[in-house]
């Protein structure tokens, strides 16, 4: 299996987060669009962009860009990417599509090793 290293500019991700935190939605969306338009996108960039989009009001209009960017990611994708896609599809009312991103292996519940199950 060939590993590909993607360039991920941390400043770029901080810019998106900053715009979102300041309520500067149009600026954040502009940076998100530019990120999704890149030929190669990292999993971290994808995750940051989708979760920033989830705070916008026009999620459905981004569907093609989100799906296209997702297809450009190296496979298999990590849990953050699956979580982003799951949340995106639930947010646009596509529950059946969202369920495709649930892990196939049995879920591990958040229990301490010392905790007893009733």
PDB file of N, CA and C in Angstrom:
ATOM      1  N   UNK A   1       0.843  -1.174   0.000  1.00  0.00           N
ATOM      2  CA  UNK A   1       0.000   0.000   0.000  1.00  0.00           C
ATOM      3  C   UNK A   1       0.891   1.240   0.000  1.00  0.00           C
ATOM      4  N   UNK A   2       0.597   2.144  -0.861  1.00  0.00           N
ATOM      5  CA  UNK A   2       1.411   3.343  -1.004  1.00  0.00           C
ATOM      6  C   UNK A   2       0.814   4.466  -0.158  1.00  0.00           C
ATOM      7  N   UNK A   3       1.618   5.030   0.723  1.00  0.00           N
ATOM      8  CA  UNK A   3       1.161   6.147   1.550  1.00  0.00           C
ATOM      9  C   UNK A   3       1.386   7.450   0.812  1.00  0.00           C
ATOM     10  N   UNK A   4       0.397   8.326   0.885  1.00  0.00           N
ATOM     11  CA  UNK A   4       0.529   9.644   0.295  1.00  0.00           C
ATOM     12  C   UNK A   4       0.494  10.669   1.408  1.00  0.00           C
ATOM     13  N   UNK A   5       1.418  11.600   1.352  1.00  0.00           N
ATOM     14  CA  UNK A   5       1.463  12.660   2.349  1.00  0.00           C
ATOM     15  C   UNK A   5       0.806  13.889   1.743  1.00  0.00           C
ATOM     16  N   UNK A   6      -0.165  14.417   2.415  1.00  0.00           N
ATOM     17  CA  UNK A   6      -0.866  15.607   1.944  1.00  0.00           C
ATOM     18  C   UNK A   6      -0.370  16.827   2.698  1.00  0.00           C
ATOM     19  N   UNK A   7      -0.238  17.905   1.956  1.00  0.00           N
ATOM     20  CA  UNK A   7       0.134  19.167   2.575  1.00  0.00           C
ATOM     21  C   UNK A   7      -1.085  19.723   3.294  1.00  0.00           C
ATOM     22  N   UNK A   8      -0.923  20.057   4.533  1.00  0.00           N
ATOM     23  CA  UNK A   8      -2.005  20.633   5.329  1.00  0.00           C
ATOM     24  C   UNK A   8      -1.452  21.860   6.037  1.00  0.00           C
ATOM     25  N   UNK A   9      -1.937  23.012   5.663  1.00  0.00           N
ATOM     26  CA  UNK A   9      -1.488  24.259   6.242  1.00  0.00           C
ATOM     27  C   UNK A   9      -2.291  24.533   7.509  1.00  0.00           C
ATOM     28  N   UNK A  10      -1.635  24.429   8.652  1.00  0.00           N
ATOM     29  CA  UNK A  10      -2.313  24.626   9.938  1.00  0.00           C
ATOM     30  C   UNK A  10      -2.889  26.034  10.056  1.00  0.00           C
ATOM     31  N   UNK A  11      -2.202  27.030   9.495  1.00  0.00           N
ATOM     32  CA  UNK A  11      -2.721  28.400   9.526  1.00  0.00           C
ATOM     33  C   UNK A  11      -4.043  28.494   8.791  1.00  0.00           C
ATOM     34  N   UNK A  12      -4.130  27.771   7.702  1.00  0.00           N
ATOM     35  CA  UNK A  12      -5.347  27.733   6.889  1.00  0.00           C
ATOM     36  C   UNK A  12      -6.523  27.200   7.716  1.00  0.00           C
ATOM     37  N   UNK A  13      -6.279  26.138   8.469  1.00  0.00           N
ATOM     38  CA  UNK A  13      -7.329  25.555   9.306  1.00  0.00           C
ATOM     39  C   UNK A  13      -7.701  26.492  10.444  1.00  0.00           C
ATOM     40  N   UNK A  14      -6.707  27.153  11.022  1.00  0.00           N
ATOM     41  CA  UNK A  14      -6.976  28.119  12.094  1.00  0.00           C
ATOM     42  C   UNK A  14      -7.783  29.299  11.570  1.00  0.00           C
ATOM     43  N   UNK A  15      -7.534  29.673  10.318  1.00  0.00           N
ATOM     44  CA  UNK A  15      -8.288  30.769   9.706  1.00  0.00           C
ATOM     45  C   UNK A  15      -9.771  30.411   9.620  1.00  0.00           C
ATOM     46  N   UNK A  16     -10.063  29.199   9.191  1.00  0.00           N
ATOM     47  CA  UNK A  16     -11.454  28.744   9.107  1.00  0.00           C
ATOM     48  C   UNK A  16     -12.090  28.763  10.490  1.00  0.00           C
ATOM     49  N   UNK A  17     -11.410  28.162  11.464  1.00  0.00           N
ATOM     50  CA  UNK A  17     -11.934  28.130  12.834  1.00  0.00           C
ATOM     51  C   UNK A  17     -12.150  29.536  13.377  1.00  0.00           C
ATOM     52  N   UNK A  18     -11.211  30.431  13.105  1.00  0.00           N
ATOM     53  CA  UNK A  18     -11.328  31.808  13.585  1.00  0.00           C
ATOM     54  C   UNK A  18     -12.526  32.521  12.996  1.00  0.00           C
ATOM     55  N   UNK A  19     -12.718  32.390  11.690  1.00  0.00           N
ATOM     56  CA  UNK A  19     -13.880  33.011  11.053  1.00  0.00           C
ATOM     57  C   UNK A  19     -15.182  32.483  11.647  1.00  0.00           C
ATOM     58  N   UNK A  20     -15.242  31.178  11.859  1.00  0.00           N
ATOM     59  CA  UNK A  20     -16.451  30.576  12.429  1.00  0.00           C
ATOM     60  C   UNK A  20     -16.696  31.119  13.831  1.00  0.00           C
ATOM     61  N   UNK A  21     -15.662  31.161  14.656  1.00  0.00           N
ATOM     62  CA  UNK A  21     -15.814  31.648  16.032  1.00  0.00           C
ATOM     63  C   UNK A  21     -16.219  33.112  16.084  1.00  0.00           C
ATOM     64  N   UNK A  22     -15.782  33.892  15.107  1.00  0.00           N
ATOM     65  CA  UNK A  22     -16.123  35.318  15.075  1.00  0.00           C
ATOM     66  C   UNK A  22     -17.453  35.592  14.377  1.00  0.00           C
ATOM     67  N   UNK A  23     -18.087  34.539  13.884  1.00  0.00           N
ATOM     68  CA  UNK A  23     -19.366  34.706  13.206  1.00  0.00           C
ATOM     69  C   UNK A  23     -19.227  35.257  11.796  1.00  0.00           C
ATOM     70  N   UNK A  24     -18.052  35.145  11.225  1.00  0.00           N
ATOM     71  CA  UNK A  24     -17.795  35.651   9.877  1.00  0.00           C
ATOM     72  C   UNK A  24     -18.035  34.522   8.874  1.00  0.00           C
ATOM     73  N   UNK A  25     -19.311  34.188   8.692  1.00  0.00           N
ATOM     74  CA  UNK A  25     -19.696  33.021   7.918  1.00  0.00           C
ATOM     75  C   UNK A  25     -19.265  33.112   6.457  1.00  0.00           C
ATOM     76  N   UNK A  26     -19.484  34.233   5.813  1.00  0.00           N
ATOM     77  CA  UNK A  26     -19.136  34.342   4.390  1.00  0.00           C
ATOM     78  C   UNK A  26     -17.637  34.158   4.162  1.00  0.00           C
ATOM     79  N   UNK A  27     -16.821  34.713   5.052  1.00  0.00           N
ATOM     80  CA  UNK A  27     -15.374  34.558   4.936  1.00  0.00           C
ATOM     81  C   UNK A  27     -14.975  33.101   5.131  1.00  0.00           C
ATOM     82  N   UNK A  28     -15.576  32.453   6.125  1.00  0.00           N
ATOM     83  CA  UNK A  28     -15.293  31.035   6.372  1.00  0.00           C
ATOM     84  C   UNK A  28     -15.693  30.193   5.165  1.00  0.00           C
ATOM     85  N   UNK A  29     -16.861  30.464   4.607  1.00  0.00           N
ATOM     86  CA  UNK A  29     -17.336  29.694   3.457  1.00  0.00           C
ATOM     87  C   UNK A  29     -16.429  29.884   2.244  1.00  0.00           C
ATOM     88  N   UNK A  30     -15.886  31.069   2.090  1.00  0.00           N
ATOM     89  CA  UNK A  30     -14.965  31.334   0.985  1.00  0.00           C
ATOM     90  C   UNK A  30     -13.699  30.483   1.114  1.00  0.00           C
ATOM     91  N   UNK A  31     -13.157  30.393   2.316  1.00  0.00           N
ATOM     92  CA  UNK A  31     -11.952  29.588   2.544  1.00  0.00           C
ATOM     93  C   UNK A  31     -12.283  28.099   2.408  1.00  0.00           C
ATOM     94  N   UNK A  32     -13.452  27.701   2.875  1.00  0.00           N
ATOM     95  CA  UNK A  32     -13.880  26.302   2.753  1.00  0.00           C
ATOM     96  C   UNK A  32     -13.994  25.920   1.279  1.00  0.00           C
ATOM     97  N   UNK A  33     -14.613  26.787   0.482  1.00  0.00           N
ATOM     98  CA  UNK A  33     -14.758  26.504  -0.956  1.00  0.00           C
ATOM     99  C   UNK A  33     -13.374  26.345  -1.606  1.00  0.00           C
ATOM    100  N   UNK A  34     -12.456  27.235  -1.285  1.00  0.00           N
ATOM    101  CA  UNK A  34     -11.102  27.146  -1.848  1.00  0.00           C
ATOM    102  C   UNK A  34     -10.422  25.841  -1.431  1.00  0.00           C
ATOM    103  N   UNK A  35     -10.654  25.417  -0.205  1.00  0.00           N
ATOM    104  CA  UNK A  35     -10.064  24.167   0.284  1.00  0.00           C
ATOM    105  C   UNK A  35     -10.659  22.973  -0.449  1.00  0.00           C
ATOM    106  N   UNK A  36     -11.978  22.942  -0.593  1.00  0.00           N
ATOM    107  CA  UNK A  36     -12.628  21.839  -1.301  1.00  0.00           C
ATOM    108  C   UNK A  36     -12.245  21.801  -2.779  1.00  0.00           C
ATOM    109  N   UNK A  37     -11.897  22.955  -3.349  1.00  0.00           N
ATOM    110  CA  UNK A  37     -11.524  23.014  -4.761  1.00  0.00           C
ATOM    111  C   UNK A  37     -10.099  22.533  -5.028  1.00  0.00           C
ATOM    112  N   UNK A  38      -9.307  22.353  -3.974  1.00  0.00           N
ATOM    113  CA  UNK A  38      -7.935  21.882  -4.154  1.00  0.00           C
ATOM    114  C   UNK A  38      -7.931  20.471  -4.738  1.00  0.00           C
ATOM    115  N   UNK A  39      -6.903  20.176  -5.526  1.00  0.00           N
ATOM    116  CA  UNK A  39      -6.797  18.839  -6.124  1.00  0.00           C
ATOM    117  C   UNK A  39      -6.605  17.768  -5.058  1.00  0.00           C
ATOM    118  N   UNK A  40      -5.772  18.068  -4.065  1.00  0.00           N
ATOM    119  CA  UNK A  40      -5.562  17.138  -2.954  1.00  0.00           C
ATOM    120  C   UNK A  40      -5.962  17.828  -1.665  1.00  0.00           C
ATOM    121  N   UNK A  41      -6.676  17.111  -0.843  1.00  0.00           N
ATOM    122  CA  UNK A  41      -7.133  17.646   0.434  1.00  0.00           C
ATOM    123  C   UNK A  41      -6.792  16.624   1.515  1.00  0.00           C
ATOM    124  N   UNK A  42      -6.331  17.102   2.652  1.00  0.00           N
ATOM    125  CA  UNK A  42      -5.985  16.187   3.741  1.00  0.00           C
ATOM    126  C   UNK A  42      -7.237  15.838   4.537  1.00  0.00           C
ATOM    127  N   UNK A  43      -7.148  14.765   5.299  1.00  0.00           N
ATOM    128  CA  UNK A  43      -8.273  14.376   6.151  1.00  0.00           C
ATOM    129  C   UNK A  43      -8.569  15.462   7.174  1.00  0.00           C
ATOM    130  N   UNK A  44      -7.529  16.092   7.712  1.00  0.00           N
ATOM    131  CA  UNK A  44      -7.724  17.151   8.703  1.00  0.00           C
ATOM    132  C   UNK A  44      -8.423  18.363   8.087  1.00  0.00           C
ATOM    133  N   UNK A  45      -8.032  18.727   6.866  1.00  0.00           N
ATOM    134  CA  UNK A  45      -8.693  19.837   6.180  1.00  0.00           C
ATOM    135  C   UNK A  45     -10.162  19.509   5.933  1.00  0.00           C
ATOM    136  N   UNK A  46     -10.413  18.290   5.467  1.00  0.00           N
ATOM    137  CA  UNK A  46     -11.785  17.873   5.188  1.00  0.00           C
ATOM    138  C   UNK A  46     -12.634  17.954   6.451  1.00  0.00           C
ATOM    139  N   UNK A  47     -12.127  17.394   7.535  1.00  0.00           N
ATOM    140  CA  UNK A  47     -12.842  17.389   8.808  1.00  0.00           C
ATOM    141  C   UNK A  47     -13.146  18.813   9.265  1.00  0.00           C
ATOM    142  N   UNK A  48     -12.155  19.690   9.251  1.00  0.00           N
ATOM    143  CA  UNK A  48     -12.340  21.078   9.684  1.00  0.00           C
ATOM    144  C   UNK A  48     -13.379  21.782   8.822  1.00  0.00           C
ATOM    145  N   UNK A  49     -13.296  21.594   7.520  1.00  0.00           N
ATOM    146  CA  UNK A  49     -14.237  22.255   6.612  1.00  0.00           C
ATOM    147  C   UNK A  49     -15.672  21.777   6.817  1.00  0.00           C
ATOM    148  N   UNK A  50     -15.862  20.480   6.917  1.00  0.00           N
ATOM    149  CA  UNK A  50     -17.225  19.959   7.080  1.00  0.00           C
ATOM    150  C   UNK A  50     -17.822  20.416   8.403  1.00  0.00           C
ATOM    151  N   UNK A  51     -17.058  20.354   9.487  1.00  0.00           N
ATOM    152  CA  UNK A  51     -17.617  20.782  10.769  1.00  0.00           C
ATOM    153  C   UNK A  51     -17.871  22.283  10.805  1.00  0.00           C
ATOM    154  N   UNK A  52     -17.105  23.067  10.069  1.00  0.00           N
ATOM    155  CA  UNK A  52     -17.406  24.499   9.950  1.00  0.00           C
ATOM    156  C   UNK A  52     -18.684  24.692   9.134  1.00  0.00           C
ATOM    157  N   UNK A  53     -18.845  23.900   8.085  1.00  0.00           N
ATOM    158  CA  UNK A  53     -20.064  23.981   7.276  1.00  0.00           C
ATOM    159  C   UNK A  53     -21.315  23.663   8.086  1.00  0.00           C
ATOM    160  N   UNK A  54     -21.192  22.753   9.032  1.00  0.00           N
ATOM    161  CA  UNK A  54     -22.348  22.352   9.837  1.00  0.00           C
ATOM    162  C   UNK A  54     -22.932  23.514  10.625  1.00  0.00           C
ATOM    163  N   UNK A  55     -22.183  24.589  10.747  1.00  0.00           N
ATOM    164  CA  UNK A  55     -22.673  25.759  11.460  1.00  0.00           C
ATOM    165  C   UNK A  55     -23.291  26.788  10.516  1.00  0.00           C
ATOM    166  N   UNK A  56     -23.315  26.481   9.231  1.00  0.00           N
ATOM    167  CA  UNK A  56     -23.904  27.399   8.261  1.00  0.00           C
ATOM    168  C   UNK A  56     -25.368  27.039   8.030  1.00  0.00           C
ATOM    169  N   UNK A  57     -26.042  27.886   7.297  1.00  0.00           N
ATOM    170  CA  UNK A  57     -27.480  27.702   7.088  1.00  0.00           C
ATOM    171  C   UNK A  57     -27.824  27.026   5.767  1.00  0.00           C
ATOM    172  N   UNK A  58     -26.868  26.907   4.861  1.00  0.00           N
ATOM    173  CA  UNK A  58     -27.171  26.384   3.528  1.00  0.00           C
ATOM    174  C   UNK A  58     -26.405  25.092   3.250  1.00  0.00           C
ATOM    175  N   UNK A  59     -26.558  24.138   4.111  1.00  0.00           N
ATOM    176  CA  UNK A  59     -25.786  22.895   3.988  1.00  0.00           C
ATOM    177  C   UNK A  59     -26.021  22.160   2.670  1.00  0.00           C
ATOM    178  N   UNK A  60     -27.267  22.128   2.222  1.00  0.00           N
ATOM    179  CA  UNK A  60     -27.608  21.353   1.030  1.00  0.00           C
ATOM    180  C   UNK A  60     -26.862  21.843  -0.201  1.00  0.00           C
ATOM    181  N   UNK A  61     -26.584  23.153  -0.262  1.00  0.00           N
ATOM    182  CA  UNK A  61     -25.920  23.707  -1.444  1.00  0.00           C
ATOM    183  C   UNK A  61     -24.472  23.237  -1.564  1.00  0.00           C
ATOM    184  N   UNK A  62     -23.929  22.675  -0.518  1.00  0.00           N
ATOM    185  CA  UNK A  62     -22.538  22.226  -0.495  1.00  0.00           C
ATOM    186  C   UNK A  62     -22.396  20.739  -0.796  1.00  0.00           C
ATOM    187  N   UNK A  63     -23.484  20.047  -1.004  1.00  0.00           N
ATOM    188  CA  UNK A  63     -23.450  18.591  -1.127  1.00  0.00           C
ATOM    189  C   UNK A  63     -22.460  18.100  -2.189  1.00  0.00           C
ATOM    190  N   UNK A  64     -22.516  18.655  -3.394  1.00  0.00           N
ATOM    191  CA  UNK A  64     -21.616  18.188  -4.454  1.00  0.00           C
ATOM    192  C   UNK A  64     -20.155  18.430  -4.110  1.00  0.00           C
ATOM    193  N   UNK A  65     -19.841  19.593  -3.538  1.00  0.00           N
ATOM    194  CA  UNK A  65     -18.455  19.882  -3.164  1.00  0.00           C
ATOM    195  C   UNK A  65     -17.972  18.954  -2.054  1.00  0.00           C
ATOM    196  N   UNK A  66     -18.827  18.698  -1.066  1.00  0.00           N
ATOM    197  CA  UNK A  66     -18.457  17.801   0.033  1.00  0.00           C
ATOM    198  C   UNK A  66     -18.198  16.396  -0.509  1.00  0.00           C
ATOM    199  N   UNK A  67     -19.100  15.899  -1.330  1.00  0.00           N
ATOM    200  CA  UNK A  67     -18.954  14.545  -1.882  1.00  0.00           C
ATOM    201  C   UNK A  67     -17.724  14.437  -2.786  1.00  0.00           C
ATOM    202  N   UNK A  68     -17.475  15.455  -3.594  1.00  0.00           N
ATOM    203  CA  UNK A  68     -16.306  15.440  -4.482  1.00  0.00           C
ATOM    204  C   UNK A  68     -15.016  15.452  -3.676  1.00  0.00           C
ATOM    205  N   UNK A  69     -14.948  16.302  -2.668  1.00  0.00           N
ATOM    206  CA  UNK A  69     -13.751  16.359  -1.815  1.00  0.00           C
ATOM    207  C   UNK A  69     -13.555  15.030  -1.090  1.00  0.00           C
ATOM    208  N   UNK A  70     -14.647  14.426  -0.625  1.00  0.00           N
ATOM    209  CA  UNK A  70     -14.559  13.130   0.056  1.00  0.00           C
ATOM    210  C   UNK A  70     -13.974  12.064  -0.877  1.00  0.00           C
ATOM    211  N   UNK A  71     -14.421  12.047  -2.120  1.00  0.00           N
ATOM    212  CA  UNK A  71     -13.921  11.049  -3.081  1.00  0.00           C
ATOM    213  C   UNK A  71     -12.432  11.229  -3.373  1.00  0.00           C
ATOM    214  N   UNK A  72     -11.910  12.451  -3.216  1.00  0.00           N
ATOM    215  CA  UNK A  72     -10.494  12.708  -3.470  1.00  0.00           C
ATOM    216  C   UNK A  72      -9.587  12.275  -2.328  1.00  0.00           C
ATOM    217  N   UNK A  73     -10.147  11.967  -1.173  1.00  0.00           N
ATOM    218  CA  UNK A  73      -9.333  11.547  -0.026  1.00  0.00           C
ATOM    219  C   UNK A  73      -8.759  10.155  -0.261  1.00  0.00           C
ATOM    220  N   UNK A  74      -7.574   9.913   0.296  1.00  0.00           N
ATOM    221  CA  UNK A  74      -6.991   8.574   0.249  1.00  0.00           C
ATOM    222  C   UNK A  74      -7.866   7.637   1.066  1.00  0.00           C
ATOM    223  N   UNK A  75      -8.029   6.432   0.594  1.00  0.00           N
ATOM    224  CA  UNK A  75      -8.834   5.451   1.315  1.00  0.00           C
ATOM    225  C   UNK A  75      -7.909   4.437   1.969  1.00  0.00           C
ATOM    226  N   UNK A  76      -8.221   3.850   3.075  1.00  0.00           N
ATOM    227  CA  UNK A  76      -9.408   4.109   3.886  1.00  0.00           C
ATOM    228  C   UNK A  76      -9.266   5.424   4.652  1.00  0.00           C
ATOM    229  N   UNK A  77     -10.403   6.012   4.956  1.00  0.00           N
ATOM    230  CA  UNK A  77     -10.400   7.281   5.686  1.00  0.00           C
ATOM    231  C   UNK A  77     -10.429   7.027   7.186  1.00  0.00           C
ATOM    232  N   UNK A  78      -9.994   8.030   7.943  1.00  0.00           N
ATOM    233  CA  UNK A  78      -9.951   7.872   9.398  1.00  0.00           C
ATOM    234  C   UNK A  78     -11.315   8.157  10.037  1.00  0.00           C
ATOM    235  N   UNK A  79     -11.388   7.952  11.340  1.00  0.00           N
ATOM    236  CA  UNK A  79     -12.645   8.133  12.074  1.00  0.00           C
ATOM    237  C   UNK A  79     -13.153   9.568  12.018  1.00  0.00           C
ATOM    238  N   UNK A  80     -12.245  10.555  11.986  1.00  0.00           N
ATOM    239  CA  UNK A  80     -12.679  11.952  11.922  1.00  0.00           C
ATOM    240  C   UNK A  80     -13.431  12.229  10.627  1.00  0.00           C
ATOM    241  N   UNK A  81     -12.962  11.683   9.535  1.00  0.00           N
ATOM    242  CA  UNK A  81     -13.614  11.889   8.240  1.00  0.00           C
ATOM    243  C   UNK A  81     -14.977  11.214   8.229  1.00  0.00           C
ATOM    244  N   UNK A  82     -15.031   9.977   8.706  1.00  0.00           N
ATOM    245  CA  UNK A  82     -16.328   9.285   8.762  1.00  0.00           C
ATOM    246  C   UNK A  82     -17.305  10.043   9.650  1.00  0.00           C
ATOM    247  N   UNK A  83     -16.821  10.563  10.766  1.00  0.00           N
ATOM    248  CA  UNK A  83     -17.661  11.345  11.671  1.00  0.00           C
ATOM    249  C   UNK A  83     -18.181  12.599  10.979  1.00  0.00           C
ATOM    250  N   UNK A  84     -17.326  13.262  10.225  1.00  0.00           N
ATOM    251  CA  UNK A  84     -17.740  14.470   9.506  1.00  0.00           C
ATOM    252  C   UNK A  84     -18.829  14.141   8.489  1.00  0.00           C
ATOM    253  N   UNK A  85     -18.641  13.055   7.736  1.00  0.00           N
ATOM    254  CA  UNK A  85     -19.642  12.675   6.733  1.00  0.00           C
ATOM    255  C   UNK A  85     -20.943  12.237   7.395  1.00  0.00           C
ATOM    256  N   UNK A  86     -20.852  11.498   8.468  1.00  0.00           N
ATOM    257  CA  UNK A  86     -22.039  11.070   9.203  1.00  0.00           C
ATOM    258  C   UNK A  86     -22.832  12.294   9.668  1.00  0.00           C
ATOM    259  N   UNK A  87     -22.157  13.250  10.285  1.00  0.00           N
ATOM    260  CA  UNK A  87     -22.823  14.458  10.772  1.00  0.00           C
ATOM    261  C   UNK A  87     -23.389  15.298   9.635  1.00  0.00           C
ATOM    262  N   UNK A  88     -22.649  15.403   8.548  1.00  0.00           N
ATOM    263  CA  UNK A  88     -23.134  16.184   7.408  1.00  0.00           C
ATOM    264  C   UNK A  88     -24.432  15.582   6.872  1.00  0.00           C
ATOM    265  N   UNK A  89     -24.425  14.282   6.622  1.00  0.00           N
ATOM    266  CA  UNK A  89     -25.609  13.649   6.029  1.00  0.00           C
ATOM    267  C   UNK A  89     -26.810  13.663   6.977  1.00  0.00           C
ATOM    268  N   UNK A  90     -26.582  13.491   8.267  1.00  0.00           N
ATOM    269  CA  UNK A  90     -27.691  13.627   9.211  1.00  0.00           C
ATOM    270  C   UNK A  90     -28.236  15.051   9.190  1.00  0.00           C
ATOM    271  N   UNK A  91     -27.351  16.029   9.087  1.00  0.00           N
ATOM    272  CA  UNK A  91     -27.763  17.434   9.123  1.00  0.00           C
ATOM    273  C   UNK A  91     -28.573  17.846   7.901  1.00  0.00           C
ATOM    274  N   UNK A  92     -28.342  17.199   6.766  1.00  0.00           N
ATOM    275  CA  UNK A  92     -29.126  17.523   5.568  1.00  0.00           C
ATOM    276  C   UNK A  92     -30.305  16.564   5.400  1.00  0.00           C
ATOM    277  N   UNK A  93     -30.566  15.756   6.419  1.00  0.00           N
ATOM    278  CA  UNK A  93     -31.740  14.885   6.404  1.00  0.00           C
ATOM    279  C   UNK A  93     -31.570  13.600   5.618  1.00  0.00           C
ATOM    280  N   UNK A  94     -30.345  13.150   5.427  1.00  0.00           N
ATOM    281  CA  UNK A  94     -30.085  11.915   4.690  1.00  0.00           C
ATOM    282  C   UNK A  94     -29.601  10.828   5.649  1.00  0.00           C
ATOM    283  N   UNK A  95     -30.510  10.373   6.496  1.00  0.00           N
ATOM    284  CA  UNK A  95     -30.141   9.402   7.530  1.00  0.00           C
ATOM    285  C   UNK A  95     -29.603   8.101   6.936  1.00  0.00           C
ATOM    286  N   UNK A  96     -30.215   7.612   5.874  1.00  0.00           N
ATOM    287  CA  UNK A  96     -29.756   6.352   5.279  1.00  0.00           C
ATOM    288  C   UNK A  96     -28.314   6.476   4.799  1.00  0.00           C
ATOM    289  N   UNK A  97     -27.991   7.587   4.182  1.00  0.00           N
ATOM    290  CA  UNK A  97     -26.611   7.821   3.718  1.00  0.00           C
ATOM    291  C   UNK A  97     -25.675   7.986   4.912  1.00  0.00           C
ATOM    292  N   UNK A  98     -26.141   8.652   5.959  1.00  0.00           N
ATOM    293  CA  UNK A  98     -25.320   8.857   7.156  1.00  0.00           C
ATOM    294  C   UNK A  98     -24.930   7.519   7.782  1.00  0.00           C
ATOM    295  N   UNK A  99     -25.860   6.573   7.823  1.00  0.00           N
ATOM    296  CA  UNK A  99     -25.578   5.279   8.445  1.00  0.00           C
ATOM    297  C   UNK A  99     -24.456   4.523   7.737  1.00  0.00           C
ATOM    298  N   UNK A 100     -24.184   4.843   6.472  1.00  0.00           N
ATOM    299  CA  UNK A 100     -23.085   4.201   5.748  1.00  0.00           C
ATOM    300  C   UNK A 100     -21.728   4.526   6.372  1.00  0.00           C
ATOM    301  N   UNK A 101     -21.670   5.597   7.166  1.00  0.00           N
ATOM    302  CA  UNK A 101     -20.404   6.034   7.743  1.00  0.00           C
ATOM    303  C   UNK A 101     -20.200   5.566   9.179  1.00  0.00           C
ATOM    304  N   UNK A 102     -21.150   4.802   9.709  1.00  0.00           N
ATOM    305  CA  UNK A 102     -20.945   4.200  11.023  1.00  0.00           C
ATOM    306  C   UNK A 102     -19.882   3.117  10.892  1.00  0.00           C
ATOM    307  N   UNK A 103     -19.068   2.912  11.930  1.00  0.00           N
ATOM    308  CA  UNK A 103     -18.042   1.860  11.859  1.00  0.00           C
ATOM    309  C   UNK A 103     -18.676   0.491  11.665  1.00  0.00           C
ATOM    310  N   UNK A 104     -18.024  -0.353  10.890  1.00  0.00           N
ATOM    311  CA  UNK A 104     -18.540  -1.700  10.633  1.00  0.00           C
ATOM    312  C   UNK A 104     -18.199  -2.663  11.769  1.00  0.00           C
ATOM    313  N   UNK A 105     -17.147  -2.347  12.519  1.00  0.00           N
ATOM    314  CA  UNK A 105     -16.752  -3.212  13.635  1.00  0.00           C
ATOM    315  C   UNK A 105     -17.607  -2.866  14.859  1.00  0.00           C
ATOM    316  N   UNK A 106     -17.744  -3.787  15.781  1.00  0.00           N
ATOM    317  CA  UNK A 106     -18.544  -3.498  16.974  1.00  0.00           C
ATOM    318  C   UNK A 106     -18.026  -2.261  17.703  1.00  0.00           C
ATOM    319  N   UNK A 107     -18.954  -1.462  18.158  1.00  0.00           N
ATOM    320  CA  UNK A 107     -18.585  -0.230  18.866  1.00  0.00           C
ATOM    321  C   UNK A 107     -18.011  -0.557  20.234  1.00  0.00           C
ATOM    322  N   UNK A 108     -17.052   0.230  20.625  1.00  0.00           N
ATOM    323  CA  UNK A 108     -16.457   0.088  21.952  1.00  0.00           C
ATOM    324  C   UNK A 108     -17.045   1.194  22.820  1.00  0.00           C
ATOM    325  N   UNK A 109     -17.703   0.825  23.884  1.00  0.00           N
ATOM    326  CA  UNK A 109     -18.322   1.821  24.752  1.00  0.00           C
ATOM    327  C   UNK A 109     -17.286   2.419  25.679  1.00  0.00           C
ATOM    328  N   UNK A 110     -17.551   3.624  26.119  1.00  0.00           N
ATOM    329  CA  UNK A 110     -16.608   4.377  26.944  1.00  0.00           C
ATOM    330  C   UNK A 110     -16.723   3.955  28.401  1.00  0.00           C
ATOM    331  N   UNK A 111     -16.117   2.832  28.706  1.00  0.00           N
ATOM    332  CA  UNK A 111     -16.112   2.324  30.073  1.00  0.00           C
ATOM    333  C   UNK A 111     -14.681   2.221  30.560  1.00  0.00           C
ATOM    334  N   UNK A 112     -14.480   2.509  31.835  1.00  0.00           N
ATOM    335  CA  UNK A 112     -13.163   2.290  32.442  1.00  0.00           C
ATOM    336  C   UNK A 112     -12.913   0.798  32.511  1.00  0.00           C
ATOM    337  N   UNK A 113     -11.659   0.428  32.550  1.00  0.00           N
ATOM    338  CA  UNK A 113     -11.332  -0.985  32.737  1.00  0.00           C
ATOM    339  C   UNK A 113     -11.841  -1.483  34.080  1.00  0.00           C
ATOM    340  N   UNK A 114     -11.926  -0.565  35.052  1.00  0.00           N
ATOM    341  CA  UNK A 114     -12.372  -0.934  36.390  1.00  0.00           C
ATOM    342  C   UNK A 114     -13.886  -0.890  36.544  1.00  0.00           C
ATOM    343  N   UNK A 115     -14.558  -0.301  35.575  1.00  0.00           N
ATOM    344  CA  UNK A 115     -16.012  -0.141  35.705  1.00  0.00           C
ATOM    345  C   UNK A 115     -16.699  -1.483  35.491  1.00  0.00           C
ATOM    346  N   UNK A 116     -17.715  -1.701  36.249  1.00  0.00           N
ATOM    347  CA  UNK A 116     -18.475  -2.936  36.087  1.00  0.00           C
ATOM    348  C   UNK A 116     -19.758  -2.632  35.333  1.00  0.00           C
ATOM    349  N   UNK A 117     -20.163  -3.579  34.542  1.00  0.00           N
ATOM    350  CA  UNK A 117     -21.389  -3.429  33.766  1.00  0.00           C
ATOM    351  C   UNK A 117     -22.509  -4.085  34.549  1.00  0.00           C
ATOM    352  N   UNK A 118     -23.602  -3.358  34.794  1.00  0.00           N
ATOM    353  CA  UNK A 118     -24.709  -3.947  35.568  1.00  0.00           C
ATOM    354  C   UNK A 118     -25.369  -5.089  34.838  1.00  0.00           C
TER     355      UNK A 118
END
